[in-house]
Structure formats: structure tokens, C-alpha cells
C-alpha atoms as a PDB file:
ATOM      1  CA  MET A   1      31.373   0.336  13.565  1.00  0.00           C
ATOM      2  CA  LYS A   2      32.010  -0.626   9.934  1.00  0.00           C
ATOM      3  CA  ASP A   3      29.972  -3.819   9.649  1.00  0.00           C
ATOM      4  CA  PRO A   4      26.849  -3.686  11.813  1.00  0.00           C
ATOM      5  CA  LYS A   5      24.771  -6.810  12.283  1.00  0.00           C
ATOM      6  CA  LEU A   6      21.175  -6.530  11.135  1.00  0.00           C
ATOM      7  CA  VAL A   7      17.987  -8.525  11.635  1.00  0.00           C
ATOM      8  CA  PHE A   8      15.428  -7.922   8.902  1.00  0.00           C
ATOM      9  CA  MET A   9      11.668  -8.194   9.518  1.00  0.00           C
ATOM     10  CA  GLY A  10       9.129  -8.153   6.695  1.00  0.00           C
ATOM     11  CA  THR A  11       6.533 -10.125   4.786  1.00  0.00           C
ATOM     12  CA  SER A  12       5.388  -8.641   1.479  1.00  0.00           C
ATOM     13  CA  GLU A  13       6.917  -7.995  -1.921  1.00  0.00           C
ATOM     14  CA  PHE A  14       7.351  -4.354  -0.824  1.00  0.00           C
ATOM     15  CA  ALA A  15       9.760  -5.609   1.878  1.00  0.00           C
ATOM     16  CA  VAL A  16      11.739  -7.855  -0.489  1.00  0.00           C
ATOM     17  CA  ALA A  17      13.170  -4.852  -2.330  1.00  0.00           C
ATOM     18  CA  THR A  18      14.750  -3.496   0.872  1.00  0.00           C
ATOM     19  CA  LEU A  19      16.107  -6.893   1.908  1.00  0.00           C
ATOM     20  CA  GLY A  20      17.643  -7.282  -1.546  1.00  0.00           C
ATOM     21  CA  ALA A  21      19.204  -3.823  -1.316  1.00  0.00           C
ATOM     22  CA  LEU A  22      20.749  -4.642   2.084  1.00  0.00           C
ATOM     23  CA  LEU A  23      22.398  -7.739   0.630  1.00  0.00           C
ATOM     24  CA  MET A  24      23.536  -6.032  -2.575  1.00  0.00           C
ATOM     25  CA  ASN A  25      25.187  -3.325  -0.475  1.00  0.00           C
ATOM     26  CA  GLY A  26      27.136  -5.905   1.505  1.00  0.00           C
ATOM     27  CA  MET A  27      25.285  -5.480   4.776  1.00  0.00           C
ATOM     28  CA  ASN A  28      25.435  -8.249   7.348  1.00  0.00           C
ATOM     29  CA  VAL A  29      21.901  -9.661   7.674  1.00  0.00           C
ATOM     30  CA  SER A  30      22.170 -12.259  10.440  1.00  0.00           C
ATOM     31  CA  ALA A  31      18.503 -13.373  10.365  1.00  0.00           C
ATOM     32  CA  VAL A  32      15.188 -12.727   8.657  1.00  0.00           C
ATOM     33  CA  VAL A  33      11.877 -12.673  10.541  1.00  0.00           C
ATOM     34  CA  THR A  34       8.700 -13.178   8.531  1.00  0.00           C
ATOM     35  CA  ALA A  35       5.118 -14.452   8.818  1.00  0.00           C
ATOM     36  CA  PRO A  36       4.405 -18.151   9.387  1.00  0.00           C
ATOM     37  CA  ASP A  37       3.355 -20.202   6.374  1.00  0.00           C
ATOM     38  CA  ARG A  38      -0.432 -20.121   5.918  1.00  0.00           C
ATOM     39  CA  PRO A  39      -2.915 -22.333   4.007  1.00  0.00           C
ATOM     40  CA  ALA A  40      -4.121 -20.552   0.858  1.00  0.00           C
ATOM     41  CA  GLY A  41      -6.202 -21.223  -2.214  1.00  0.00           C
ATOM     42  CA  ARG A  42      -8.733 -23.933  -2.928  1.00  0.00           C
ATOM     43  CA  GLY A  43      -6.333 -26.737  -2.067  1.00  0.00           C
ATOM     44  CA  ARG A  44      -5.333 -25.021   1.209  1.00  0.00           C
ATOM     45  CA  LYS A  45      -1.706 -25.568   0.285  1.00  0.00           C
ATOM     46  CA  LEU A  46       0.776 -23.830   2.560  1.00  0.00           C
ATOM     47  CA  SER A  47       1.813 -20.467   1.143  1.00  0.00           C
ATOM     48  CA  VAL A  48       5.093 -18.778   2.061  1.00  0.00           C
ATOM     49  CA  SER A  49       5.629 -15.029   2.198  1.00  0.00           C
ATOM     50  CA  PRO A  50       7.617 -13.292  -0.555  1.00  0.00           C
ATOM     51  CA  VAL A  51      10.245 -12.401   2.070  1.00  0.00           C
ATOM     52  CA  LYS A  52      10.668 -16.044   3.096  1.00  0.00           C
ATOM     53  CA  GLU A  53      10.970 -17.105  -0.520  1.00  0.00           C
ATOM     54  CA  PHE A  54      13.701 -14.512  -1.105  1.00  0.00           C
ATOM     55  CA  ALA A  55      15.474 -15.327   2.174  1.00  0.00           C
ATOM     56  CA  GLU A  56      15.566 -19.038   1.317  1.00  0.00           C
ATOM     57  CA  PHE A  57      17.002 -18.241  -2.113  1.00  0.00           C
ATOM     58  CA  SER A  58      19.635 -16.055  -0.401  1.00  0.00           C
ATOM     59  CA  SER A  59      20.456 -18.780   2.201  1.00  0.00           C
ATOM     60  CA  LEU A  60      19.568 -16.555   5.148  1.00  0.00           C
ATOM     61  CA  PRO A  61      18.466 -17.912   8.572  1.00  0.00           C
ATOM     62  CA  ILE A  62      14.653 -17.544   8.877  1.00  0.00           C
ATOM     63  CA  LEU A  63      12.463 -17.135  11.956  1.00  0.00           C
ATOM     64  CA  GLN A  64       8.638 -17.416  11.704  1.00  0.00           C
ATOM     65  CA  PRO A  65       7.113 -16.808  15.126  1.00  0.00           C
ATOM     66  CA  GLU A  66       3.392 -17.138  15.759  1.00  0.00           C
ATOM     67  CA  ASN A  67       3.729 -15.048  18.906  1.00  0.00           C
ATOM     68  CA  LEU A  68       6.204 -12.163  18.869  1.00  0.00           C
ATOM     69  CA  LYS A  69       6.406 -12.227  22.679  1.00  0.00           C
ATOM     70  CA  ASP A  70       7.338 -15.910  22.803  1.00  0.00           C
ATOM     71  CA  LYS A  71      10.395 -16.250  25.053  1.00  0.00           C
ATOM     72  CA  GLU A  72      12.176 -18.687  22.754  1.00  0.00           C
ATOM     73  CA  PHE A  73      11.800 -16.286  19.831  1.00  0.00           C
ATOM     74  CA  VAL A  74      12.936 -13.294  21.896  1.00  0.00           C
ATOM     75  CA  ASP A  75      15.985 -15.229  23.070  1.00  0.00           C
ATOM     76  CA  LYS A  76      16.880 -16.177  19.489  1.00  0.00           C
ATOM     77  CA  LEU A  77      16.768 -12.519  18.467  1.00  0.00           C
ATOM     78  CA  LYS A  78      19.062 -11.594  21.336  1.00  0.00           C
ATOM     79  CA  GLU A  79      21.459 -14.366  20.351  1.00  0.00           C
ATOM     80  CA  THR A  80      21.933 -12.832  16.897  1.00  0.00           C
ATOM     81  CA  GLY A  81      23.822  -9.974  18.514  1.00  0.00           C
ATOM     82  CA  ALA A  82      22.247  -7.586  16.006  1.00  0.00           C
ATOM     83  CA  ASP A  83      23.049  -3.879  16.301  1.00  0.00           C
ATOM     84  CA  ILE A  84      19.952  -2.766  14.384  1.00  0.00           C
ATOM     85  CA  PHE A  85      16.596  -4.304  13.483  1.00  0.00           C
ATOM     86  CA  VAL A  86      15.209  -3.254  10.080  1.00  0.00           C
ATOM     87  CA  VAL A  87      11.417  -3.497   9.648  1.00  0.00           C
ATOM     88  CA  VAL A  88       9.457  -3.178   6.390  1.00  0.00           C
ATOM     89  CA  ALA A  89       5.764  -4.086   5.976  1.00  0.00           C
ATOM     90  CA  PHE A  90       5.572  -6.271   9.069  1.00  0.00           C
ATOM     91  CA  ARG A  91       3.403  -6.532  12.182  1.00  0.00           C
ATOM     92  CA  MET A  92       3.397  -4.106  15.103  1.00  0.00           C
ATOM     93  CA  LEU A  93       6.323  -5.063  17.340  1.00  0.00           C
ATOM     94  CA  PRO A  94       6.035  -5.363  21.128  1.00  0.00           C
ATOM     95  CA  GLU A  95       8.445  -3.349  23.239  1.00  0.00           C
ATOM     96  CA  VAL A  96      10.291  -6.492  24.273  1.00  0.00           C
ATOM     97  CA  ILE A  97      11.377  -6.830  20.618  1.00  0.00           C
ATOM     98  CA  TRP A  98      12.053  -3.322  19.365  1.00  0.00           C
ATOM     99  CA  LYS A  99      14.175  -2.478  22.414  1.00  0.00           C
ATOM    100  CA  ILE A 100      16.598  -5.374  21.857  1.00  0.00           C
ATOM    101  CA  PRO A 101      19.130  -3.849  19.415  1.00  0.00           C
ATOM    102  CA  PRO A 102      21.477  -1.279  20.974  1.00  0.00           C
ATOM    103  CA  MET A 103      21.136   1.091  17.995  1.00  0.00           C
ATOM    104  CA  GLY A 104      17.372   0.751  17.763  1.00  0.00           C
ATOM    105  CA  THR A 105      14.752  -0.605  15.391  1.00  0.00           C
ATOM    106  CA  ILE A 106      14.276   1.238  12.081  1.00  0.00           C
ATOM    107  CA  ASN A 107      10.995   1.070  10.163  1.00  0.00           C
ATOM    108  CA  LEU A 108      10.209   2.059   6.572  1.00  0.00           C
ATOM    109  CA  HIS A 109       6.805   3.646   5.904  1.00  0.00           C
ATOM    110  CA  ALA A 110       5.231   4.519   2.542  1.00  0.00           C
ATOM    111  CA  SER A 111       4.286   8.124   3.283  1.00  0.00           C
ATOM    112  CA  LEU A 112       5.795  11.382   4.403  1.00  0.00           C
ATOM    113  CA  LEU A 113       5.309  10.973   8.125  1.00  0.00           C
ATOM    114  CA  PRO A 114       3.673  12.263  10.249  1.00  0.00           C
ATOM    115  CA  HIS A 115       0.967  12.196   7.548  1.00  0.00           C
ATOM    116  CA  TYR A 116      -0.738   8.956   6.512  1.00  0.00           C
ATOM    117  CA  ARG A 117       0.124   6.863   9.534  1.00  0.00           C
ATOM    118  CA  GLY A 118      -1.598   3.504   9.308  1.00  0.00           C
ATOM    119  CA  ALA A 119      -2.098   0.399   7.202  1.00  0.00           C
ATOM    120  CA  ALA A 120      -2.959   1.928   3.790  1.00  0.00           C
ATOM    121  CA  PRO A 121      -0.832   5.021   3.149  1.00  0.00           C
ATOM    122  CA  ILE A 122      -0.487   4.444  -0.605  1.00  0.00           C
ATOM    123  CA  ASN A 123      -4.203   3.881  -1.180  1.00  0.00           C
ATOM    124  CA  ARG A 124      -5.350   6.723   1.056  1.00  0.00           C
ATOM    125  CA  ALA A 125      -2.995   9.312  -0.436  1.00  0.00           C
ATOM    126  CA  ILE A 126      -4.340   8.654  -3.949  1.00  0.00           C
ATOM    127  CA  ILE A 127      -7.973   8.422  -2.814  1.00  0.00           C
ATOM    128  CA  ASN A 128      -7.582  11.819  -1.128  1.00  0.00           C
ATOM    129  CA  GLY A 129      -6.263  13.351  -4.339  1.00  0.00           C
ATOM    130  CA  GLU A 130      -2.749  14.061  -3.098  1.00  0.00           C
ATOM    131  CA  THR A 131      -0.230  15.146  -5.722  1.00  0.00           C
ATOM    132  CA  LYS A 132       2.817  14.366  -3.574  1.00  0.00           C
ATOM    133  CA  THR A 133       3.785  11.601  -1.178  1.00  0.00           C
ATOM    134  CA  GLY A 134       7.020   9.883  -0.243  1.00  0.00           C
ATOM    135  CA  ILE A 135       8.828   7.419   1.929  1.00  0.00           C
ATOM    136  CA  THR A 136      10.066   7.728   5.528  1.00  0.00           C
ATOM    137  CA  THR A 137      12.499   5.889   7.764  1.00  0.00           C
ATOM    138  CA  PHE A 138      11.909   6.246  11.499  1.00  0.00           C
ATOM    139  CA  MET A 139      12.706   4.713  14.876  1.00  0.00           C
ATOM    140  CA  ILE A 140       9.971   2.424  16.179  1.00  0.00           C
ATOM    141  CA  ASP A 141       8.405   3.314  19.501  1.00  0.00           C
ATOM    142  CA  ASP A 142       5.371   2.076  21.469  1.00  0.00           C
ATOM    143  CA  ARG A 143       2.739   3.471  19.059  1.00  0.00           C
ATOM    144  CA  ILE A 144       2.025   2.879  15.376  1.00  0.00           C
ATOM    145  CA  ASP A 145       4.107   5.067  13.007  1.00  0.00           C
ATOM    146  CA  THR A 146       4.804   7.758  15.621  1.00  0.00           C
ATOM    147  CA  GLY A 147       8.537   7.301  16.207  1.00  0.00           C
ATOM    148  CA  SER A 148      11.229   9.875  15.512  1.00  0.00           C
ATOM    149  CA  VAL A 149      11.977  10.390  11.815  1.00  0.00           C
ATOM    150  CA  LEU A 150      15.398   9.635  10.351  1.00  0.00           C
ATOM    151  CA  LEU A 151      15.064  10.427   6.623  1.00  0.00           C
ATOM    152  CA  ARG A 152      12.235  11.278   4.212  1.00  0.00           C
ATOM    153  CA  GLU A 153      12.128  11.383   0.418  1.00  0.00           C
ATOM    154  CA  GLU A 154       9.314  13.063  -1.511  1.00  0.00           C
ATOM    155  CA  THR A 155       7.915  12.043  -4.888  1.00  0.00           C
ATOM    156  CA  ASP A 156       5.087  13.147  -7.178  1.00  0.00           C
ATOM    157  CA  ILE A 157       1.789  11.316  -7.609  1.00  0.00           C
ATOM    158  CA  TYR A 158       0.742  11.693 -11.236  1.00  0.00           C
ATOM    159  CA  PRO A 159      -2.922  12.159 -12.251  1.00  0.00           C
ATOM    160  CA  PHE A 160      -3.352   8.675 -13.742  1.00  0.00           C
ATOM    161  CA  GLU A 161      -0.938   6.793 -11.456  1.00  0.00           C
ATOM    162  CA  ASN A 162      -2.726   4.045  -9.524  1.00  0.00           C
ATOM    163  CA  ALA A 163      -1.934   2.349  -6.220  1.00  0.00           C
ATOM    164  CA  GLY A 164      -0.021  -0.440  -7.949  1.00  0.00           C
ATOM    165  CA  ASP A 165       2.158   2.041  -9.845  1.00  0.00           C
ATOM    166  CA  LEU A 166       2.866   4.072  -6.725  1.00  0.00           C
ATOM    167  CA  HIS A 167       3.555   0.934  -4.674  1.00  0.00           C
ATOM    168  CA  ASN A 168       6.281  -0.093  -7.115  1.00  0.00           C
ATOM    169  CA  LYS A 169       7.806   3.376  -7.202  1.00  0.00           C
ATOM    170  CA  LEU A 170       7.900   3.747  -3.427  1.00  0.00           C
ATOM    171  CA  MET A 171       9.198   0.197  -3.030  1.00  0.00           C
ATOM    172  CA  LYS A 172      12.326   1.117  -5.011  1.00  0.00           C
ATOM    173  CA  LEU A 173      12.735   4.527  -3.373  1.00  0.00           C
ATOM    174  CA  GLY A 174      12.305   2.958   0.056  1.00  0.00           C
ATOM    175  CA  ALA A 175      15.004   0.354  -0.496  1.00  0.00           C
ATOM    176  CA  LEU A 176      17.515   3.050  -1.413  1.00  0.00           C
ATOM    177  CA  LEU A 177      16.411   5.290   1.441  1.00  0.00           C
ATOM    178  CA  MET A 178      16.953   2.491   3.960  1.00  0.00           C
ATOM    179  CA  ILE A 179      20.545   2.048   2.766  1.00  0.00           C
ATOM    180  CA  ARG A 180      21.159   5.780   3.152  1.00  0.00           C
ATOM    181  CA  THR A 181      19.542   5.697   6.569  1.00  0.00           C
ATOM    182  CA  ILE A 182      21.597   2.825   7.958  1.00  0.00           C
ATOM    183  CA  ASN A 183      24.845   4.280   6.616  1.00  0.00           C
ATOM    184  CA  GLY A 184      23.892   7.685   8.024  1.00  0.00           C
ATOM    185  CA  VAL A 185      23.032   6.293  11.449  1.00  0.00           C
ATOM    186  CA  MET A 186      26.246   4.267  11.599  1.00  0.00           C
ATOM    187  CA  ASN A 187      28.329   7.326  10.622  1.00  0.00           C
ATOM    188  CA  GLY A 188      26.509   9.638  13.012  1.00  0.00           C
ATOM    189  CA  ILE A 189      25.232  11.971  10.269  1.00  0.00           C
ATOM    190  CA  VAL A 190      21.557  10.958  10.520  1.00  0.00           C
ATOM    191  CA  THR A 191      19.841  11.564  13.842  1.00  0.00           C
ATOM    192  CA  PRO A 192      16.208  11.092  14.921  1.00  0.00           C
ATOM    193  CA  LYS A 193      13.847  14.061  14.716  1.00  0.00           C
ATOM    194  CA  SER A 194      10.485  14.251  16.488  1.00  0.00           C
ATOM    195  CA  GLN A 195       7.526  14.081  14.089  1.00  0.00           C
ATOM    196  CA  SER A 196       6.001  17.100  15.816  1.00  0.00           C
ATOM    197  CA  LEU A 197       8.802  19.236  14.357  1.00  0.00           C
ATOM    198  CA  LEU A 198       7.631  18.345  10.844  1.00  0.00           C
ATOM    199  CA  LEU A 199       4.171  19.823  11.369  1.00  0.00           C
ATOM    200  CA  SER A 200       3.250  23.469  10.967  1.00  0.00           C
ATOM    201  CA  PRO A 201       1.188  25.105  13.740  1.00  0.00           C
ATOM    202  CA  ASP A 202      -2.437  23.848  13.777  1.00  0.00           C
ATOM    203  CA  GLU A 203      -1.701  21.322  10.984  1.00  0.00           C
ATOM    204  CA  LYS A 204      -3.892  18.233  11.333  1.00  0.00           C
ATOM    205  CA  ILE A 205      -2.389  14.813  10.708  1.00  0.00           C
ATOM    206  CA  LYS A 206      -3.942  12.858   7.828  1.00  0.00           C
ATOM    207  CA  MET A 207      -4.415   9.181   8.654  1.00  0.00           C
ATOM    208  CA  ALA A 208      -4.315   6.013   6.544  1.00  0.00           C
ATOM    209  CA  PRO A 209      -6.609   3.404   8.116  1.00  0.00           C
ATOM    210  CA  LYS A 210      -7.006  -0.062   6.659  1.00  0.00           C
ATOM    211  CA  ILE A 211      -9.202  -0.385   3.551  1.00  0.00           C
ATOM    212  CA  PHE A 212     -12.485  -2.164   4.359  1.00  0.00           C
ATOM    213  CA  PRO A 213     -15.031  -3.476   1.812  1.00  0.00           C
ATOM    214  CA  ALA A 214     -17.367  -0.534   2.440  1.00  0.00           C
ATOM    215  CA  ASP A 215     -14.553   1.857   1.490  1.00  0.00           C
ATOM    216  CA  CYS A 216     -14.526   0.367  -2.014  1.00  0.00           C
ATOM    217  CA  ASN A 217     -18.093   1.279  -2.968  1.00  0.00           C
ATOM    218  CA  ILE A 218     -18.461   4.021  -5.590  1.00  0.00           C
ATOM    219  CA  ASN A 219     -20.867   6.830  -4.719  1.00  0.00           C
ATOM    220  CA  TRP A 220     -22.176   8.228  -8.007  1.00  0.00           C
ATOM    221  CA  ASN A 221     -23.273  11.410  -6.217  1.00  0.00           C
ATOM    222  CA  SER A 222     -19.589  12.303  -5.860  1.00  0.00           C
ATOM    223  CA  SER A 223     -17.615  14.370  -8.373  1.00  0.00           C
ATOM    224  CA  PRO A 224     -15.879  12.666 -11.328  1.00  0.00           C
ATOM    225  CA  GLU A 225     -12.492  13.600  -9.846  1.00  0.00           C
ATOM    226  CA  ALA A 226     -13.318  12.045  -6.461  1.00  0.00           C
ATOM    227  CA  ILE A 227     -14.556   8.820  -8.079  1.00  0.00           C
ATOM    228  CA  HIS A 228     -11.535   8.691 -10.393  1.00  0.00           C
ATOM    229  CA  ASN A 229      -9.225   9.068  -7.373  1.00  0.00           C
ATOM    230  CA  LEU A 230     -11.074   6.277  -5.548  1.00  0.00           C
ATOM    231  CA  ILE A 231     -10.698   3.987  -8.566  1.00  0.00           C
ATOM    232  CA  ARG A 232      -6.968   4.522  -8.992  1.00  0.00           C
ATOM    233  CA  GLY A 233      -6.405   4.415  -5.229  1.00  0.00           C
ATOM    234  CA  LEU A 234      -7.912   0.909  -5.165  1.00  0.00           C
ATOM    235  CA  SER A 235      -6.423  -0.374  -8.439  1.00  0.00           C
ATOM    236  CA  PRO A 236      -5.366  -3.050  -9.218  1.00  0.00           C
ATOM    237  CA  LYS A 237      -6.746  -4.403  -5.944  1.00  0.00           C
ATOM    238  CA  PRO A 238      -9.073  -4.581  -4.124  1.00  0.00           C
ATOM    239  CA  GLY A 239     -10.812  -2.493  -6.813  1.00  0.00           C
ATOM    240  CA  ALA A 240     -13.552   0.144  -6.656  1.00  0.00           C
ATOM    241  CA  LYS A 241     -16.990  -1.519  -6.821  1.00  0.00           C
ATOM    242  CA  ALA A 242     -20.412  -0.614  -8.134  1.00  0.00           C
ATOM    243  CA  ILE A 243     -23.658  -2.274  -9.213  1.00  0.00           C
ATOM    244  CA  MET A 244     -25.616  -1.843 -12.419  1.00  0.00           C
ATOM    245  CA  THR A 245     -29.240  -2.873 -12.757  1.00  0.00           C
ATOM    246  CA  ASN A 246     -31.956  -3.031 -15.402  1.00  0.00           C
ATOM    247  CA  GLY A 247     -34.732  -3.329 -12.815  1.00  0.00           C
ATOM    248  CA  THR A 248     -34.739  -7.107 -12.658  1.00  0.00           C
ATOM    249  CA  LYS A 249     -31.064  -8.058 -12.845  1.00  0.00           C
ATOM    250  CA  ARG A 250     -28.215  -6.660 -10.716  1.00  0.00           C
ATOM    251  CA  ILE A 251     -24.591  -6.996 -11.828  1.00  0.00           C
ATOM    252  CA  SER A 252     -21.634  -6.256  -9.567  1.00  0.00           C
ATOM    253  CA  PHE A 253     -18.561  -4.838 -11.247  1.00  0.00           C
ATOM    254  CA  LYS A 254     -15.262  -3.137 -10.549  1.00  0.00           C
ATOM    255  CA  ILE A 255     -13.751  -0.206 -12.401  1.00  0.00           C
ATOM    256  CA  LEU A 256      -9.959  -0.469 -12.640  1.00  0.00           C
ATOM    257  CA  GLU A 257      -9.178   2.467 -14.911  1.00  0.00           C
ATOM    258  CA  SER A 258     -11.174   5.600 -15.646  1.00  0.00           C
ATOM    259  CA  PHE A 259     -11.097   9.171 -16.902  1.00  0.00           C
ATOM    260  CA  PRO A 260     -12.927  12.091 -15.223  1.00  0.00           C
ATOM    261  CA  ASP A 261     -15.086  14.148 -17.566  1.00  0.00           C
ATOM    262  CA  LYS A 262     -16.227  17.541 -16.222  1.00  0.00           C
ATOM    263  CA  THR A 263     -18.869  18.101 -18.905  1.00  0.00           C
ATOM    264  CA  GLY A 264     -22.005  19.520 -17.275  1.00  0.00           C
ATOM    265  CA  HIS A 265     -25.342  17.720 -17.563  1.00  0.00           C
ATOM    266  CA  GLN A 266     -28.875  17.556 -16.156  1.00  0.00           C
ATOM    267  CA  MET A 267     -29.046  13.753 -15.988  1.00  0.00           C
ATOM    268  CA  LYS A 268     -29.800  11.671 -12.943  1.00  0.00           C
ATOM    269  CA  THR A 269     -26.613  10.399 -11.326  1.00  0.00           C
ATOM    270  CA  GLY A 270     -25.990   6.785 -12.223  1.00  0.00           C
ATOM    271  CA  THR A 271     -27.281   7.180 -15.786  1.00  0.00           C
ATOM    272  CA  ILE A 272     -25.181   5.109 -18.191  1.00  0.00           C
ATOM    273  CA  ILE A 273     -24.315   6.636 -21.568  1.00  0.00           C
ATOM    274  CA  SER A 274     -22.801   4.403 -24.258  1.00  0.00           C
ATOM    275  CA  ASP A 275     -22.410   4.128 -28.005  1.00  0.00           C
ATOM    276  CA  GLY A 276     -22.650   0.352 -27.628  1.00  0.00           C
ATOM    277  CA  LYS A 277     -19.190  -0.102 -29.142  1.00  0.00           C
ATOM    278  CA  GLN A 278     -16.246   1.569 -27.417  1.00  0.00           C
ATOM    279  CA  SER A 279     -17.534   4.304 -25.147  1.00  0.00           C
ATOM    280  CA  LEU A 280     -19.177   4.045 -21.729  1.00  0.00           C
ATOM    281  CA  LYS A 281     -19.621   6.818 -19.213  1.00  0.00           C
ATOM    282  CA  ILE A 282     -21.687   7.171 -16.066  1.00  0.00           C
ATOM    283  CA  ALA A 283     -23.274  10.398 -14.867  1.00  0.00           C
ATOM    284  CA  CYS A 284     -22.080  11.639 -11.486  1.00  0.00           C
ATOM    285  CA  SER A 285     -22.174  14.980  -9.724  1.00  0.00           C
ATOM    286  CA  ASN A 286     -21.044  17.788 -12.047  1.00  0.00           C
ATOM    287  CA  GLY A 287     -19.774  15.491 -14.771  1.00  0.00           C
ATOM    288  CA  PHE A 288     -19.247  11.963 -15.996  1.00  0.00           C
ATOM    289  CA  LEU A 289     -16.873   9.119 -15.300  1.00  0.00           C
ATOM    290  CA  ARG A 290     -15.542   7.521 -18.482  1.00  0.00           C
ATOM    291  CA  ILE A 291     -14.693   3.849 -17.949  1.00  0.00           C
ATOM    292  CA  LYS A 292     -11.557   2.434 -19.584  1.00  0.00           C
ATOM    293  CA  ILE A 293     -11.104  -0.946 -17.845  1.00  0.00           C
ATOM    294  CA  ILE A 294     -13.945  -2.872 -16.207  1.00  0.00           C
ATOM    295  CA  GLN A 295     -14.264  -6.228 -14.455  1.00  0.00           C
ATOM    296  CA  ILE A 296     -17.616  -7.952 -14.008  1.00  0.00           C
ATOM    297  CA  GLU A 297     -17.733 -10.070 -10.848  1.00  0.00           C
ATOM    298  CA  GLY A 298     -16.339 -13.529 -11.575  1.00  0.00           C
ATOM    299  CA  LYS A 299     -14.907 -12.466 -14.948  1.00  0.00           C
ATOM    300  CA  LYS A 300     -11.535 -11.266 -16.198  1.00  0.00           C
ATOM    301  CA  LYS A 301     -10.811  -7.545 -16.493  1.00  0.00           C
ATOM    302  CA  MET A 302     -11.533  -6.083 -19.933  1.00  0.00           C
ATOM    303  CA  ASN A 303     -10.965  -2.925 -21.906  1.00  0.00           C
ATOM    304  CA  ILE A 304     -14.286  -1.203 -22.408  1.00  0.00           C
ATOM    305  CA  ASP A 305     -14.496  -1.981 -26.146  1.00  0.00           C
ATOM    306  CA  GLU A 306     -13.981  -5.692 -25.426  1.00  0.00           C
ATOM    307  CA  PHE A 307     -16.665  -5.563 -22.737  1.00  0.00           C
ATOM    308  CA  MET A 308     -19.152  -3.808 -25.044  1.00  0.00           C
ATOM    309  CA  ARG A 309     -18.805  -6.494 -27.713  1.00  0.00           C
ATOM    310  CA  GLY A 310     -20.305  -9.097 -25.382  1.00  0.00           C
ATOM    311  CA  PHE A 311     -22.750  -7.098 -23.276  1.00  0.00           C
ATOM    312  CA  ASP A 312     -25.873  -5.088 -24.106  1.00  0.00           C
ATOM    313  CA  ILE A 313     -25.819  -2.267 -21.586  1.00  0.00           C
ATOM    314  CA  SER A 314     -28.603  -0.183 -23.121  1.00  0.00           C
ATOM    315  CA  SER A 315     -31.198  -0.977 -20.414  1.00  0.00           C
ATOM    316  CA  TYR A 316     -28.904  -0.629 -17.393  1.00  0.00           C
ATOM    317  CA  ARG A 317     -28.116   2.157 -14.946  1.00  0.00           C
ATOM    318  CA  ALA A 318     -25.673   2.344 -12.041  1.00  0.00           C
ATOM    319  CA  GLU A 319     -27.197   2.000  -8.579  1.00  0.00           C
ATOM    320  CA  ILE A 320     -26.763   4.864  -6.172  1.00  0.00           C
ATOM    321  CA  ALA A 321     -25.175   3.626  -2.954  1.00  0.00           C
END
């Protein structure tokens, strides 16, 4: 089969890169499935997904089902006659959907499966201090991120790379990997491999659950490396959060960029050290965290020297969670 029909399913900017790559490589995308328009912002104006915006620009047929099991929607998918469904950053599909195409439904995941299954693989890999991650294409089955692997590509995570940086890198790698995967599947040179074969004996799978607000709180009793990893794993959003207080006033803030300092000390964790001009560090376990970019709640993000010009921090300390 030289020209397979595809249906693409995705929502976010991460998915747009793969859809664009499919079109640039001359692949036949017969329909695009994305999230329904939702009210957003103060005016509650309807907001469209990045995938819908791109699909409209590319004059592609668009489907936006509320219910993925809706018979009318299922029938429309069958009518496309697609050979393969391609899924990137979308919802969990019911069996009635992923079993439609004769050559299966291929998903793209931002980790080296079987590790970091779940909603936040990019964030969790950085938070856990990983130095390598990657991208995986696999066949969807009846559980989340457990299907047989088609292709994987590994990449480094650099010490000061944050979640936004890694997102953009994996987005580009993933788009190219999906093209290789589809061509390989169509030519019979890429075949599914059970995820269990990619694990060594007794190796435990690392998971990537959704990031909740409580996951964003900085614990100053942690090491500077662990706090630094949390900060970059949550940057630029949702951001790692902390509170500083002078005994009467409490100020919530986020740290968006930091530097771990392993200098030993006998200070109480949470102690703030500053020259009042361009240096601010907070004592943690076995070292300090030097803050480079900070954002006070309700304010814009600032480099630390800009922040220090407008704020007297001399009486404050960081609260211990």
C-alpha cells in the first residue's frame, strides 16, 4: 500500500508538529479529530485547540466529538476508510475507536516506554533527575500507554534544561519518529514489540502521573539538587511554588530558574541570604538554592536583580512546607 489513509487525533501544540510533518511528507490525512471548543478567559470566549487551528488552516475535515463512543462519530470514522489512526496528546480512546483501522492505532508518547507511562512524562523525568529520556511510538490497546512498541528514540536531558525546553525538543523528535514509524509499518520493516521485552529482570516501571497543585510545593528540607530538578521540571508552567514570610506578612511566589549550590552550612532550612542587589539564595538540606528567575503571585516573572530593586527581603524567610 503506497498511500495509506490516515485519521489524526490530537489537541495540543505538541500534536501540531506531528500533523504538520504528516502533511509535509505527503501523507493522506482524511480527517482530524480534536477537542470541542471550550469557553476560556474572562470573557468566556470560545477557544479552539491548536490542532483545530492548524487543521482549519490546512483545509482538513475536522471532527470534535463530546463523547468518543457516540454512534454518529464512530460511523463517521468508519466512513473515512482510514488504514491507520495516528494519536498524539489526545484523550484515552475506547476500544470501539482504536479497533476501527485495519492496520491499528498508533500513539506517540514523550518517554522511553515502558517507563514514564501517564499524563506528565516530561515533567516527571526532569523532577526525578533523569539524564536521558526519549520518544516512543506504540500500538494503542485497552490500557494507558501499555501497547506494543514500534520505535523509540533516546535523547539527553541537560542539567539546566526545563520542561518547556524538553517539550519542544521531543515535539520535533516525535514528529520525525512518527513519519519513520508509519513508513516502517507500511513497508513491513517495523513490527510491534511487547513492552515487557524492554525491561530487564526485576526492573520496576517508573510512572508519570498528572501534576497536581500539591506536587508543585517546594520542600526546603530537600537537597538543592532535588529542589532544582523540581523547579525545572515545572518550568515554565505550572511553576514550583513556595511562601516567604516576615512573621506578619506571607507572600506566595514561584521559582522558574535556579542553580543548586552544594556549599555546606549550619543554617536553619528556609533561611534567605541576599546581598539586597543581585543575589538571593535559600538554605536547604546540605546546601543552598540560588534563585535566578522569580515570580511573585499576581506579578510578572523577573530576573532576581530586577526583583531585588523593588523588594526589601531582609526580614523574610521561606516557610517550611
